[in-house]
Amino acid sequence: MRRQTECNLVVRLTWDVTLGHSHPRYTFVCVQDEDMAAMVARRADEFAPRGLRLVGAEASPSAGRDHPWVTVGLGLPTSP
């Protein structure tokens, strides 16, 4: 039996589109708090769609409906 987790934040992971996809691909994960959101973003490669690379992570308590998406710190390289 899976343990049910309270979903206070939705994390949206954005994957690159360089492999012939015409628009971004996303994975959505429900988490309890900001610490869990950061952990999901750091470990995203463990559940990455095959051949895709993580390019961004945002979180919102309402999946972007009533609250904007806010960037989750990833330590990703930034563009110049």
N, C-alpha and C. Protein backbone atom coordinates (compact mmCIF):
# COMPACT_ATOMS: atom_id res chain seq x y z
N MET A 1 0.84 -1.18 0.00
CA MET A 1 0.00 0.00 0.00
C MET A 1 0.89 1.24 0.00
N ARG A 2 0.55 2.20 -0.84
CA ARG A 2 1.33 3.44 -0.91
C ARG A 2 0.89 4.40 0.19
N ARG A 3 1.86 5.09 0.75
CA ARG A 3 1.57 6.09 1.76
C ARG A 3 1.09 7.35 1.06
N GLN A 4 -0.06 7.86 1.46
CA GLN A 4 -0.59 9.06 0.84
C GLN A 4 0.10 10.29 1.42
N THR A 5 0.50 11.20 0.55
CA THR A 5 1.21 12.41 0.94
C THR A 5 0.31 13.60 0.69
N GLU A 6 0.31 14.53 1.62
CA GLU A 6 -0.45 15.76 1.43
C GLU A 6 0.19 16.56 0.29
N CYS A 7 -0.63 17.08 -0.59
CA CYS A 7 -0.13 17.81 -1.76
C CYS A 7 -0.33 19.31 -1.54
N ASN A 8 0.68 19.96 -0.96
CA ASN A 8 0.62 21.40 -0.72
C ASN A 8 1.23 22.20 -1.87
N LEU A 9 2.12 21.57 -2.61
CA LEU A 9 2.78 22.22 -3.75
C LEU A 9 2.82 21.25 -4.93
N VAL A 10 2.69 21.80 -6.11
CA VAL A 10 2.90 21.01 -7.33
C VAL A 10 4.20 21.49 -7.94
N VAL A 11 5.11 20.55 -8.21
CA VAL A 11 6.38 20.87 -8.86
C VAL A 11 6.23 20.53 -10.34
N ARG A 12 6.58 21.49 -11.20
CA ARG A 12 6.56 21.27 -12.65
C ARG A 12 8.01 21.21 -13.12
N LEU A 13 8.42 20.04 -13.59
CA LEU A 13 9.76 19.86 -14.15
C LEU A 13 9.66 20.03 -15.66
N THR A 14 10.53 20.86 -16.21
CA THR A 14 10.53 21.13 -17.65
C THR A 14 11.74 20.46 -18.28
N TRP A 15 11.49 19.69 -19.34
CA TRP A 15 12.54 18.94 -20.03
C TRP A 15 12.83 19.59 -21.36
N ASP A 16 14.08 19.43 -21.85
CA ASP A 16 14.49 20.05 -23.11
C ASP A 16 13.65 19.52 -24.28
N VAL A 17 13.68 20.29 -25.37
CA VAL A 17 12.86 19.96 -26.54
C VAL A 17 13.73 19.76 -27.78
N THR A 18 14.98 19.42 -27.59
CA THR A 18 15.91 19.35 -28.72
C THR A 18 15.79 18.05 -29.51
N LEU A 19 15.01 17.10 -29.06
CA LEU A 19 14.95 15.81 -29.73
C LEU A 19 13.75 15.71 -30.68
N GLY A 20 13.43 16.79 -31.36
CA GLY A 20 12.35 16.75 -32.33
C GLY A 20 10.98 17.07 -31.78
N HIS A 21 10.89 17.40 -30.50
CA HIS A 21 9.61 17.78 -29.93
C HIS A 21 9.33 19.24 -30.26
N SER A 22 8.09 19.55 -30.54
CA SER A 22 7.76 20.92 -30.95
C SER A 22 7.48 21.84 -29.76
N HIS A 23 7.24 21.29 -28.59
CA HIS A 23 6.98 22.11 -27.41
C HIS A 23 7.51 21.40 -26.18
N PRO A 24 7.70 22.13 -25.07
CA PRO A 24 8.30 21.54 -23.87
C PRO A 24 7.52 20.33 -23.36
N ARG A 25 8.23 19.43 -22.71
CA ARG A 25 7.61 18.30 -22.04
C ARG A 25 7.72 18.55 -20.54
N TYR A 26 6.67 18.19 -19.81
CA TYR A 26 6.62 18.44 -18.38
C TYR A 26 6.34 17.16 -17.61
N THR A 27 6.82 17.13 -16.36
CA THR A 27 6.44 16.13 -15.38
C THR A 27 5.95 16.91 -14.17
N PHE A 28 4.81 16.51 -13.61
CA PHE A 28 4.25 17.17 -12.44
C PHE A 28 4.32 16.23 -11.24
N VAL A 29 4.77 16.77 -10.09
CA VAL A 29 4.94 15.98 -8.88
C VAL A 29 4.33 16.75 -7.71
N CYS A 30 3.47 16.08 -6.92
CA CYS A 30 2.89 16.70 -5.71
C CYS A 30 3.83 16.48 -4.53
N VAL A 31 4.06 17.54 -3.75
CA VAL A 31 4.92 17.45 -2.58
C VAL A 31 4.30 18.21 -1.41
N GLN A 32 4.87 18.02 -0.21
CA GLN A 32 4.35 18.66 0.99
C GLN A 32 4.84 20.08 1.20
N ASP A 33 6.11 20.34 0.87
CA ASP A 33 6.68 21.64 1.22
C ASP A 33 7.83 22.01 0.28
N GLU A 34 8.41 23.19 0.53
CA GLU A 34 9.49 23.71 -0.31
C GLU A 34 10.73 22.82 -0.28
N ASP A 35 11.03 22.23 0.89
CA ASP A 35 12.20 21.35 0.99
C ASP A 35 12.04 20.13 0.08
N MET A 36 10.84 19.56 0.07
CA MET A 36 10.60 18.41 -0.80
C MET A 36 10.62 18.82 -2.27
N ALA A 37 10.15 20.03 -2.57
CA ALA A 37 10.19 20.52 -3.96
C ALA A 37 11.64 20.62 -4.43
N ALA A 38 12.51 21.14 -3.58
CA ALA A 38 13.93 21.26 -3.94
C ALA A 38 14.57 19.88 -4.11
N MET A 39 14.21 18.93 -3.25
CA MET A 39 14.75 17.58 -3.35
C MET A 39 14.31 16.92 -4.66
N VAL A 40 13.04 17.07 -5.03
CA VAL A 40 12.55 16.52 -6.29
C VAL A 40 13.32 17.12 -7.46
N ALA A 41 13.53 18.42 -7.43
CA ALA A 41 14.26 19.08 -8.52
C ALA A 41 15.69 18.57 -8.62
N ARG A 42 16.35 18.40 -7.46
CA ARG A 42 17.74 17.92 -7.46
C ARG A 42 17.85 16.49 -7.98
N ARG A 43 16.84 15.67 -7.70
CA ARG A 43 16.90 14.25 -8.06
C ARG A 43 16.09 13.93 -9.32
N ALA A 44 15.72 14.93 -10.07
CA ALA A 44 14.83 14.75 -11.23
C ALA A 44 15.39 13.79 -12.27
N ASP A 45 16.70 13.73 -12.41
CA ASP A 45 17.29 12.84 -13.41
C ASP A 45 16.91 11.38 -13.18
N GLU A 46 16.55 11.03 -11.93
CA GLU A 46 16.18 9.65 -11.62
C GLU A 46 14.88 9.24 -12.31
N PHE A 47 14.01 10.19 -12.62
CA PHE A 47 12.76 9.85 -13.30
C PHE A 47 12.57 10.66 -14.58
N ALA A 48 13.68 11.03 -15.20
CA ALA A 48 13.63 11.80 -16.45
C ALA A 48 13.08 10.95 -17.58
N PRO A 49 12.24 11.54 -18.44
CA PRO A 49 11.84 10.82 -19.65
C PRO A 49 13.09 10.46 -20.45
N ARG A 50 13.08 9.32 -21.05
CA ARG A 50 14.26 8.80 -21.76
C ARG A 50 14.83 9.81 -22.75
N GLY A 51 16.12 10.09 -22.59
CA GLY A 51 16.83 10.96 -23.52
C GLY A 51 16.62 12.44 -23.32
N LEU A 52 15.82 12.84 -22.33
CA LEU A 52 15.59 14.27 -22.11
C LEU A 52 16.43 14.78 -20.96
N ARG A 53 16.65 16.09 -20.96
CA ARG A 53 17.50 16.75 -19.97
C ARG A 53 16.66 17.81 -19.26
N LEU A 54 16.80 17.90 -17.93
CA LEU A 54 16.06 18.88 -17.14
C LEU A 54 16.57 20.28 -17.45
N VAL A 55 15.66 21.20 -17.73
CA VAL A 55 16.05 22.58 -18.00
C VAL A 55 15.38 23.58 -17.06
N GLY A 56 14.45 23.13 -16.22
CA GLY A 56 13.82 24.05 -15.28
C GLY A 56 12.89 23.33 -14.32
N ALA A 57 12.66 23.96 -13.17
CA ALA A 57 11.72 23.43 -12.19
C ALA A 57 11.04 24.60 -11.51
N GLU A 58 9.72 24.54 -11.44
CA GLU A 58 8.93 25.57 -10.78
C GLU A 58 7.95 24.88 -9.84
N ALA A 59 7.45 25.63 -8.85
CA ALA A 59 6.46 25.10 -7.92
C ALA A 59 5.34 26.11 -7.74
N SER A 60 4.14 25.59 -7.48
CA SER A 60 2.97 26.43 -7.24
C SER A 60 2.00 25.66 -6.36
N PRO A 61 1.36 26.32 -5.37
CA PRO A 61 0.39 25.62 -4.54
C PRO A 61 -0.89 25.28 -5.30
N SER A 62 -1.12 25.91 -6.44
CA SER A 62 -2.36 25.66 -7.19
C SER A 62 -2.09 25.22 -8.63
N ALA A 63 -0.90 24.69 -8.87
CA ALA A 63 -0.50 24.26 -10.22
C ALA A 63 -0.65 25.39 -11.23
N GLY A 64 -0.36 26.61 -10.80
CA GLY A 64 -0.37 27.75 -11.70
C GLY A 64 -1.72 28.40 -11.92
N ARG A 65 -2.78 27.84 -11.34
CA ARG A 65 -4.12 28.42 -11.57
C ARG A 65 -4.30 29.73 -10.80
N ASP A 66 -4.19 29.68 -9.48
CA ASP A 66 -4.40 30.87 -8.66
C ASP A 66 -3.11 31.51 -8.18
N HIS A 67 -2.02 30.78 -8.27
CA HIS A 67 -0.71 31.25 -7.84
C HIS A 67 0.27 31.03 -8.98
N PRO A 68 1.17 31.97 -9.22
CA PRO A 68 2.13 31.80 -10.32
C PRO A 68 3.15 30.69 -9.99
N TRP A 69 3.77 30.16 -11.04
CA TRP A 69 4.86 29.21 -10.87
C TRP A 69 6.09 29.98 -10.39
N VAL A 70 6.78 29.45 -9.38
CA VAL A 70 7.98 30.07 -8.82
C VAL A 70 9.14 29.09 -9.03
N THR A 71 10.28 29.61 -9.50
CA THR A 71 11.43 28.76 -9.78
C THR A 71 11.95 28.10 -8.51
N VAL A 72 12.25 26.81 -8.63
CA VAL A 72 12.86 26.03 -7.55
C VAL A 72 14.35 26.00 -7.84
N GLY A 73 15.20 26.32 -6.86
CA GLY A 73 16.65 26.32 -7.08
C GLY A 73 17.17 24.94 -7.41
N LEU A 74 17.93 24.86 -8.51
CA LEU A 74 18.43 23.57 -8.98
C LEU A 74 19.94 23.49 -9.02
N GLY A 75 20.60 24.63 -9.02
CA GLY A 75 22.03 24.62 -9.25
C GLY A 75 22.36 24.32 -10.70
N LEU A 76 21.40 24.57 -11.61
CA LEU A 76 21.65 24.35 -13.04
C LEU A 76 22.52 25.48 -13.58
N PRO A 77 23.32 25.19 -14.59
CA PRO A 77 24.09 26.27 -15.21
C PRO A 77 23.15 27.29 -15.83
N THR A 78 23.50 28.55 -15.73
CA THR A 78 22.65 29.60 -16.30
C THR A 78 23.24 30.08 -17.61
N SER A 79 22.38 30.54 -18.49
CA SER A 79 22.84 31.06 -19.79
C SER A 79 23.51 32.41 -19.58
N PRO A 80 24.52 32.73 -20.41
CA PRO A 80 25.19 34.03 -20.27
C PRO A 80 24.27 35.18 -20.64
